[in-house]
Amino acid sequence: MAVVPGGKTAQHLALSEERRKALGGKVKTARENAGLTHESLAHASGVYFKHIQRIERGDSNPTLATGYALADALGLRLQDLLPD
């Protein structure tokens, strides 16, 4: 496993399950409020719809690039999707 500055492994930098679920809940709420399906958000963001489903369930640790793509497609700022 790769070690990053500060001596932590990449696994230590992954979001906790609690934070993944919080992020996923925010993505799902924003998608539903925008009246979008998984497929329409996938088309608008360039993120595969199955990946969006995994993010919403908290089963995926999305990259910053994915977060920005989803936020842009939803008309939000990335920080609007991040867990508190």
PDB file of N, CA and C in Angstrom:
ATOM      1  N   MET A   1       0.848  -1.180   0.000  1.00  0.00           N
ATOM      2  CA  MET A   1       0.000   0.000   0.000  1.00  0.00           C
ATOM      3  C   MET A   1       0.891   1.239   0.000  1.00  0.00           C
ATOM      4  N   ALA A   2       0.527   2.223  -0.778  1.00  0.00           N
ATOM      5  CA  ALA A   2       1.312   3.449  -0.883  1.00  0.00           C
ATOM      6  C   ALA A   2       1.217   4.268   0.398  1.00  0.00           C
ATOM      7  N   VAL A   3       2.347   4.887   0.749  1.00  0.00           N
ATOM      8  CA  VAL A   3       2.381   5.778   1.906  1.00  0.00           C
ATOM      9  C   VAL A   3       2.425   7.202   1.388  1.00  0.00           C
ATOM     10  N   VAL A   4       1.593   8.057   1.939  1.00  0.00           N
ATOM     11  CA  VAL A   4       1.511   9.452   1.525  1.00  0.00           C
ATOM     12  C   VAL A   4       2.181  10.326   2.572  1.00  0.00           C
ATOM     13  N   PRO A   5       2.425  11.613   2.272  1.00  0.00           N
ATOM     14  CA  PRO A   5       3.048  12.489   3.266  1.00  0.00           C
ATOM     15  C   PRO A   5       2.335  12.408   4.609  1.00  0.00           C
ATOM     16  N   GLY A   6       3.110  12.427   5.661  1.00  0.00           N
ATOM     17  CA  GLY A   6       2.555  12.306   7.002  1.00  0.00           C
ATOM     18  C   GLY A   6       2.563  10.869   7.484  1.00  0.00           C
ATOM     19  N   GLY A   7       3.037   9.945   6.624  1.00  0.00           N
ATOM     20  CA  GLY A   7       3.157   8.554   7.004  1.00  0.00           C
ATOM     21  C   GLY A   7       1.868   7.761   6.971  1.00  0.00           C
ATOM     22  N   LYS A   8       0.799   8.331   6.448  1.00  0.00           N
ATOM     23  CA  LYS A   8      -0.479   7.615   6.399  1.00  0.00           C
ATOM     24  C   LYS A   8      -0.580   6.847   5.087  1.00  0.00           C
ATOM     25  N   THR A   9      -1.265   5.732   5.129  1.00  0.00           N
ATOM     26  CA  THR A   9      -1.508   4.975   3.910  1.00  0.00           C
ATOM     27  C   THR A   9      -2.741   5.543   3.220  1.00  0.00           C
ATOM     28  N   ALA A  10      -2.892   5.206   1.954  1.00  0.00           N
ATOM     29  CA  ALA A  10      -4.055   5.682   1.203  1.00  0.00           C
ATOM     30  C   ALA A  10      -5.350   5.233   1.870  1.00  0.00           C
ATOM     31  N   GLN A  11      -5.335   4.060   2.503  1.00  0.00           N
ATOM     32  CA  GLN A  11      -6.537   3.566   3.181  1.00  0.00           C
ATOM     33  C   GLN A  11      -6.960   4.504   4.310  1.00  0.00           C
ATOM     34  N   HIS A  12      -5.996   5.111   4.991  1.00  0.00           N
ATOM     35  CA  HIS A  12      -6.323   6.037   6.076  1.00  0.00           C
ATOM     36  C   HIS A  12      -7.014   7.302   5.559  1.00  0.00           C
ATOM     37  N   LEU A  13      -6.805   7.612   4.281  1.00  0.00           N
ATOM     38  CA  LEU A  13      -7.378   8.829   3.710  1.00  0.00           C
ATOM     39  C   LEU A  13      -8.788   8.617   3.167  1.00  0.00           C
ATOM     40  N   ALA A  14      -9.226   7.375   3.082  1.00  0.00           N
ATOM     41  CA  ALA A  14     -10.565   7.085   2.586  1.00  0.00           C
ATOM     42  C   ALA A  14     -11.604   7.602   3.584  1.00  0.00           C
ATOM     43  N   LEU A  15     -12.761   7.966   3.062  1.00  0.00           N
ATOM     44  CA  LEU A  15     -13.847   8.421   3.928  1.00  0.00           C
ATOM     45  C   LEU A  15     -14.351   7.272   4.789  1.00  0.00           C
ATOM     46  N   SER A  16     -14.722   7.584   6.006  1.00  0.00           N
ATOM     47  CA  SER A  16     -15.325   6.575   6.875  1.00  0.00           C
ATOM     48  C   SER A  16     -16.690   6.193   6.304  1.00  0.00           C
ATOM     49  N   GLU A  17     -17.203   5.058   6.735  1.00  0.00           N
ATOM     50  CA  GLU A  17     -18.520   4.619   6.268  1.00  0.00           C
ATOM     51  C   GLU A  17     -19.583   5.669   6.585  1.00  0.00           C
ATOM     52  N   GLU A  18     -19.502   6.248   7.766  1.00  0.00           N
ATOM     53  CA  GLU A  18     -20.468   7.281   8.169  1.00  0.00           C
ATOM     54  C   GLU A  18     -20.424   8.471   7.212  1.00  0.00           C
ATOM     55  N   ARG A  19     -19.234   8.909   6.861  1.00  0.00           N
ATOM     56  CA  ARG A  19     -19.112  10.062   5.956  1.00  0.00           C
ATOM     57  C   ARG A  19     -19.513   9.703   4.530  1.00  0.00           C
ATOM     58  N   ARG A  20     -19.189   8.479   4.091  1.00  0.00           N
ATOM     59  CA  ARG A  20     -19.616   8.053   2.746  1.00  0.00           C
ATOM     60  C   ARG A  20     -21.138   8.059   2.658  1.00  0.00           C
ATOM     61  N   LYS A  21     -21.805   7.570   3.703  1.00  0.00           N
ATOM     62  CA  LYS A  21     -23.274   7.537   3.700  1.00  0.00           C
ATOM     63  C   LYS A  21     -23.857   8.955   3.755  1.00  0.00           C
ATOM     64  N   ALA A  22     -23.218   9.849   4.500  1.00  0.00           N
ATOM     65  CA  ALA A  22     -23.682  11.239   4.567  1.00  0.00           C
ATOM     66  C   ALA A  22     -23.529  11.917   3.210  1.00  0.00           C
ATOM     67  N   LEU A  23     -22.399  11.710   2.558  1.00  0.00           N
ATOM     68  CA  LEU A  23     -22.168  12.273   1.228  1.00  0.00           C
ATOM     69  C   LEU A  23     -23.184  11.704   0.249  1.00  0.00           C
ATOM     70  N   GLY A  24     -23.380  10.387   0.309  1.00  0.00           N
ATOM     71  CA  GLY A  24     -24.345   9.745  -0.582  1.00  0.00           C
ATOM     72  C   GLY A  24     -25.752  10.270  -0.387  1.00  0.00           C
ATOM     73  N   GLY A  25     -26.126  10.509   0.856  1.00  0.00           N
ATOM     74  CA  GLY A  25     -27.443  11.063   1.136  1.00  0.00           C
ATOM     75  C   GLY A  25     -27.610  12.455   0.552  1.00  0.00           C
ATOM     76  N   LYS A  26     -26.549  13.243   0.619  1.00  0.00           N
ATOM     77  CA  LYS A  26     -26.620  14.600   0.052  1.00  0.00           C
ATOM     78  C   LYS A  26     -26.725  14.550  -1.468  1.00  0.00           C
ATOM     79  N   VAL A  27     -25.977  13.640  -2.088  1.00  0.00           N
ATOM     80  CA  VAL A  27     -26.054  13.501  -3.548  1.00  0.00           C
ATOM     81  C   VAL A  27     -27.461  13.062  -3.948  1.00  0.00           C
ATOM     82  N   LYS A  28     -28.003  12.076  -3.248  1.00  0.00           N
ATOM     83  CA  LYS A  28     -29.343  11.579  -3.573  1.00  0.00           C
ATOM     84  C   LYS A  28     -30.397  12.668  -3.400  1.00  0.00           C
ATOM     85  N   THR A  29     -30.337  13.392  -2.298  1.00  0.00           N
ATOM     86  CA  THR A  29     -31.300  14.471  -2.056  1.00  0.00           C
ATOM     87  C   THR A  29     -31.202  15.538  -3.135  1.00  0.00           C
ATOM     88  N   ALA A  30     -29.978  15.928  -3.480  1.00  0.00           N
ATOM     89  CA  ALA A  30     -29.783  16.955  -4.510  1.00  0.00           C
ATOM     90  C   ALA A  30     -30.295  16.463  -5.861  1.00  0.00           C
ATOM     91  N   ARG A  31     -30.028  15.204  -6.186  1.00  0.00           N
ATOM     92  CA  ARG A  31     -30.493  14.638  -7.461  1.00  0.00           C
ATOM     93  C   ARG A  31     -32.021  14.625  -7.507  1.00  0.00           C
ATOM     94  N   GLU A  32     -32.636  14.163  -6.434  1.00  0.00           N
ATOM     95  CA  GLU A  32     -34.100  14.111  -6.392  1.00  0.00           C
ATOM     96  C   GLU A  32     -34.710  15.508  -6.424  1.00  0.00           C
ATOM     97  N   ASN A  33     -34.116  16.463  -5.701  1.00  0.00           N
ATOM     98  CA  ASN A  33     -34.617  17.845  -5.709  1.00  0.00           C
ATOM     99  C   ASN A  33     -34.518  18.466  -7.093  1.00  0.00           C
ATOM    100  N   ALA A  34     -33.511  18.034  -7.859  1.00  0.00           N
ATOM    101  CA  ALA A  34     -33.343  18.544  -9.222  1.00  0.00           C
ATOM    102  C   ALA A  34     -34.243  17.808 -10.213  1.00  0.00           C
ATOM    103  N   GLY A  35     -34.954  16.785  -9.734  1.00  0.00           N
ATOM    104  CA  GLY A  35     -35.843  16.024 -10.609  1.00  0.00           C
ATOM    105  C   GLY A  35     -35.104  15.142 -11.598  1.00  0.00           C
ATOM    106  N   LEU A  36     -33.907  14.694 -11.222  1.00  0.00           N
ATOM    107  CA  LEU A  36     -33.086  13.897 -12.129  1.00  0.00           C
ATOM    108  C   LEU A  36     -33.119  12.419 -11.755  1.00  0.00           C
ATOM    109  N   THR A  37     -33.051  11.573 -12.764  1.00  0.00           N
ATOM    110  CA  THR A  37     -32.858  10.145 -12.547  1.00  0.00           C
ATOM    111  C   THR A  37     -31.357   9.878 -12.464  1.00  0.00           C
ATOM    112  N   HIS A  38     -31.010   8.662 -12.062  1.00  0.00           N
ATOM    113  CA  HIS A  38     -29.592   8.296 -12.069  1.00  0.00           C
ATOM    114  C   HIS A  38     -29.018   8.443 -13.479  1.00  0.00           C
ATOM    115  N   GLU A  39     -29.789   8.019 -14.461  1.00  0.00           N
ATOM    116  CA  GLU A  39     -29.330   8.066 -15.843  1.00  0.00           C
ATOM    117  C   GLU A  39     -29.147   9.500 -16.334  1.00  0.00           C
ATOM    118  N   SER A  40     -30.081  10.387 -15.986  1.00  0.00           N
ATOM    119  CA  SER A  40     -29.951  11.771 -16.457  1.00  0.00           C
ATOM    120  C   SER A  40     -28.797  12.478 -15.759  1.00  0.00           C
ATOM    121  N   LEU A  41     -28.560  12.185 -14.479  1.00  0.00           N
ATOM    122  CA  LEU A  41     -27.399  12.760 -13.792  1.00  0.00           C
ATOM    123  C   LEU A  41     -26.114  12.194 -14.380  1.00  0.00           C
ATOM    124  N   ALA A  42     -26.126  10.915 -14.725  1.00  0.00           N
ATOM    125  CA  ALA A  42     -24.951  10.309 -15.356  1.00  0.00           C
ATOM    126  C   ALA A  42     -24.636  11.015 -16.671  1.00  0.00           C
ATOM    127  N   HIS A  43     -25.663  11.257 -17.469  1.00  0.00           N
ATOM    128  CA  HIS A  43     -25.463  11.941 -18.752  1.00  0.00           C
ATOM    129  C   HIS A  43     -24.920  13.354 -18.543  1.00  0.00           C
ATOM    130  N   ALA A  44     -25.473  14.071 -17.584  1.00  0.00           N
ATOM    131  CA  ALA A  44     -25.060  15.459 -17.343  1.00  0.00           C
ATOM    132  C   ALA A  44     -23.669  15.559 -16.730  1.00  0.00           C
ATOM    133  N   SER A  45     -23.275  14.559 -15.947  1.00  0.00           N
ATOM    134  CA  SER A  45     -22.004  14.635 -15.213  1.00  0.00           C
ATOM    135  C   SER A  45     -20.866  13.855 -15.846  1.00  0.00           C
ATOM    136  N   GLY A  46     -21.207  12.881 -16.687  1.00  0.00           N
ATOM    137  CA  GLY A  46     -20.172  12.009 -17.235  1.00  0.00           C
ATOM    138  C   GLY A  46     -19.750  10.910 -16.271  1.00  0.00           C
ATOM    139  N   VAL A  47     -20.504  10.737 -15.184  1.00  0.00           N
ATOM    140  CA  VAL A  47     -20.226   9.692 -14.194  1.00  0.00           C
ATOM    141  C   VAL A  47     -21.196   8.541 -14.466  1.00  0.00           C
ATOM    142  N   TYR A  48     -20.672   7.332 -14.586  1.00  0.00           N
ATOM    143  CA  TYR A  48     -21.482   6.151 -14.876  1.00  0.00           C
ATOM    144  C   TYR A  48     -22.613   6.021 -13.853  1.00  0.00           C
ATOM    145  N   PHE A  49     -23.832   5.729 -14.320  1.00  0.00           N
ATOM    146  CA  PHE A  49     -24.989   5.731 -13.417  1.00  0.00           C
ATOM    147  C   PHE A  49     -24.860   4.703 -12.299  1.00  0.00           C
ATOM    148  N   LYS A  50     -24.220   3.579 -12.544  1.00  0.00           N
ATOM    149  CA  LYS A  50     -24.028   2.576 -11.477  1.00  0.00           C
ATOM    150  C   LYS A  50     -23.113   3.129 -10.387  1.00  0.00           C
ATOM    151  N   HIS A  51     -22.134   3.945 -10.784  1.00  0.00           N
ATOM    152  CA  HIS A  51     -21.239   4.566  -9.799  1.00  0.00           C
ATOM    153  C   HIS A  51     -22.022   5.569  -8.948  1.00  0.00           C
ATOM    154  N   ILE A  52     -22.922   6.314  -9.568  1.00  0.00           N
ATOM    155  CA  ILE A  52     -23.771   7.250  -8.820  1.00  0.00           C
ATOM    156  C   ILE A  52     -24.614   6.481  -7.804  1.00  0.00           C
ATOM    157  N   GLN A  53     -25.162   5.354  -8.202  1.00  0.00           N
ATOM    158  CA  GLN A  53     -25.947   4.535  -7.274  1.00  0.00           C
ATOM    159  C   GLN A  53     -25.090   4.069  -6.098  1.00  0.00           C
ATOM    160  N   ARG A  54     -23.851   3.645  -6.372  1.00  0.00           N
ATOM    161  CA  ARG A  54     -22.954   3.201  -5.294  1.00  0.00           C
ATOM    162  C   ARG A  54     -22.608   4.357  -4.362  1.00  0.00           C
ATOM    163  N   ILE A  55     -22.396   5.545  -4.922  1.00  0.00           N
ATOM    164  CA  ILE A  55     -22.105   6.726  -4.100  1.00  0.00           C
ATOM    165  C   ILE A  55     -23.293   7.021  -3.193  1.00  0.00           C
ATOM    166  N   GLU A  56     -24.489   7.020  -3.752  1.00  0.00           N
ATOM    167  CA  GLU A  56     -25.691   7.328  -2.970  1.00  0.00           C
ATOM    168  C   GLU A  56     -25.924   6.321  -1.844  1.00  0.00           C
ATOM    169  N   ARG A  57     -25.526   5.075  -2.045  1.00  0.00           N
ATOM    170  CA  ARG A  57     -25.678   4.052  -0.993  1.00  0.00           C
ATOM    171  C   ARG A  57     -24.554   4.118   0.035  1.00  0.00           C
ATOM    172  N   GLY A  58     -23.519   4.901  -0.258  1.00  0.00           N
ATOM    173  CA  GLY A  58     -22.370   4.970   0.638  1.00  0.00           C
ATOM    174  C   GLY A  58     -21.399   3.832   0.431  1.00  0.00           C
ATOM    175  N   ASP A  59     -21.492   3.170  -0.716  1.00  0.00           N
ATOM    176  CA  ASP A  59     -20.633   2.027  -1.020  1.00  0.00           C
ATOM    177  C   ASP A  59     -19.381   2.412  -1.792  1.00  0.00           C
ATOM    178  N   SER A  60     -19.223   3.681  -2.112  1.00  0.00           N
ATOM    179  CA  SER A  60     -18.092   4.117  -2.925  1.00  0.00           C
ATOM    180  C   SER A  60     -17.419   5.317  -2.288  1.00  0.00           C
ATOM    181  N   ASN A  61     -16.116   5.404  -2.480  1.00  0.00           N
ATOM    182  CA  ASN A  61     -15.319   6.525  -1.992  1.00  0.00           C
ATOM    183  C   ASN A  61     -14.935   7.360  -3.221  1.00  0.00           C
ATOM    184  N   PRO A  62     -15.787   8.302  -3.645  1.00  0.00           N
ATOM    185  CA  PRO A  62     -15.554   9.006  -4.907  1.00  0.00           C
ATOM    186  C   PRO A  62     -14.331   9.914  -4.860  1.00  0.00           C
ATOM    187  N   THR A  63     -13.744  10.107  -6.029  1.00  0.00           N
ATOM    188  CA  THR A  63     -12.613  11.022  -6.151  1.00  0.00           C
ATOM    189  C   THR A  63     -13.114  12.466  -6.152  1.00  0.00           C
ATOM    190  N   LEU A  64     -12.184  13.386  -5.999  1.00  0.00           N
ATOM    191  CA  LEU A  64     -12.549  14.807  -6.099  1.00  0.00           C
ATOM    192  C   LEU A  64     -13.113  15.121  -7.475  1.00  0.00           C
ATOM    193  N   ALA A  65     -12.527  14.537  -8.509  1.00  0.00           N
ATOM    194  CA  ALA A  65     -13.008  14.790  -9.869  1.00  0.00           C
ATOM    195  C   ALA A  65     -14.468  14.360 -10.010  1.00  0.00           C
ATOM    196  N   THR A  66     -14.815  13.218  -9.445  1.00  0.00           N
ATOM    197  CA  THR A  66     -16.199  12.753  -9.486  1.00  0.00           C
ATOM    198  C   THR A  66     -17.102  13.691  -8.695  1.00  0.00           C
ATOM    199  N   GLY A  67     -16.641  14.119  -7.539  1.00  0.00           N
ATOM    200  CA  GLY A  67     -17.418  15.051  -6.729  1.00  0.00           C
ATOM    201  C   GLY A  67     -17.695  16.350  -7.461  1.00  0.00           C
ATOM    202  N   TYR A  68     -16.659  16.895  -8.109  1.00  0.00           N
ATOM    203  CA  TYR A  68     -16.845  18.128  -8.874  1.00  0.00           C
ATOM    204  C   TYR A  68     -17.802  17.911 -10.042  1.00  0.00           C
ATOM    205  N   ALA A  69     -17.678  16.784 -10.734  1.00  0.00           N
ATOM    206  CA  ALA A  69     -18.557  16.509 -11.873  1.00  0.00           C
ATOM    207  C   ALA A  69     -20.016  16.432 -11.432  1.00  0.00           C
ATOM    208  N   LEU A  70     -20.262  15.751 -10.319  1.00  0.00           N
ATOM    209  CA  LEU A  70     -21.636  15.649  -9.815  1.00  0.00           C
ATOM    210  C   LEU A  70     -22.157  17.005  -9.353  1.00  0.00           C
ATOM    211  N   ALA A  71     -21.339  17.731  -8.612  1.00  0.00           N
ATOM    212  CA  ALA A  71     -21.758  19.051  -8.124  1.00  0.00           C
ATOM    213  C   ALA A  71     -22.086  19.977  -9.288  1.00  0.00           C
ATOM    214  N   ASP A  72     -21.216  20.007 -10.297  1.00  0.00           N
ATOM    215  CA  ASP A  72     -21.459  20.867 -11.465  1.00  0.00           C
ATOM    216  C   ASP A  72     -22.774  20.499 -12.151  1.00  0.00           C
ATOM    217  N   ALA A  73     -23.001  19.202 -12.336  1.00  0.00           N
ATOM    218  CA  ALA A  73     -24.220  18.752 -13.011  1.00  0.00           C
ATOM    219  C   ALA A  73     -25.472  19.072 -12.200  1.00  0.00           C
ATOM    220  N   LEU A  74     -25.315  19.146 -10.882  1.00  0.00           N
ATOM    221  CA  LEU A  74     -26.449  19.455 -10.001  1.00  0.00           C
ATOM    222  C   LEU A  74     -26.594  20.950  -9.735  1.00  0.00           C
ATOM    223  N   GLY A  75     -25.693  21.756 -10.293  1.00  0.00           N
ATOM    224  CA  GLY A  75     -25.748  23.199 -10.081  1.00  0.00           C
ATOM    225  C   GLY A  75     -25.346  23.607  -8.682  1.00  0.00           C
ATOM    226  N   LEU A  76     -24.471  22.808  -8.064  1.00  0.00           N
ATOM    227  CA  LEU A  76     -24.033  23.063  -6.691  1.00  0.00           C
ATOM    228  C   LEU A  76     -22.526  23.256  -6.635  1.00  0.00           C
ATOM    229  N   ARG A  77     -22.055  23.657  -5.464  1.00  0.00           N
ATOM    230  CA  ARG A  77     -20.618  23.686  -5.194  1.00  0.00           C
ATOM    231  C   ARG A  77     -20.254  22.347  -4.563  1.00  0.00           C
ATOM    232  N   LEU A  78     -19.030  21.908  -4.754  1.00  0.00           N
ATOM    233  CA  LEU A  78     -18.607  20.639  -4.163  1.00  0.00           C
ATOM    234  C   LEU A  78     -18.869  20.620  -2.664  1.00  0.00           C
ATOM    235  N   GLN A  79     -18.584  21.717  -1.981  1.00  0.00           N
ATOM    236  CA  GLN A  79     -18.760  21.751  -0.522  1.00  0.00           C
ATOM    237  C   GLN A  79     -20.217  21.545  -0.106  1.00  0.00           C
ATOM    238  N   ASP A  80     -21.163  21.797  -1.017  1.00  0.00           N
ATOM    239  CA  ASP A  80     -22.568  21.546  -0.699  1.00  0.00           C
ATOM    240  C   ASP A  80     -22.865  20.052  -0.565  1.00  0.00           C
ATOM    241  N   LEU A  81     -22.026  19.219  -1.173  1.00  0.00           N
ATOM    242  CA  LEU A  81     -22.233  17.771  -1.128  1.00  0.00           C
ATOM    243  C   LEU A  81     -21.419  17.082  -0.043  1.00  0.00           C
ATOM    244  N   LEU A  82     -20.447  17.794   0.514  1.00  0.00           N
ATOM    245  CA  LEU A  82     -19.569  17.174   1.503  1.00  0.00           C
ATOM    246  C   LEU A  82     -20.264  17.034   2.846  1.00  0.00           C
ATOM    247  N   PRO A  83     -19.943  15.950   3.562  1.00  0.00           N
ATOM    248  CA  PRO A  83     -20.529  15.771   4.899  1.00  0.00           C
ATOM    249  C   PRO A  83     -20.076  16.867   5.847  1.00  0.00           C
ATOM    250  N   ASP A  84     -20.905  17.192   6.817  1.00  0.00           N
ATOM    251  CA  ASP A  84     -20.565  18.222   7.810  1.00  0.00           C
ATOM    252  C   ASP A  84     -19.469  17.738   8.732  1.00  0.00           C
TER     253      ASP A  84
END
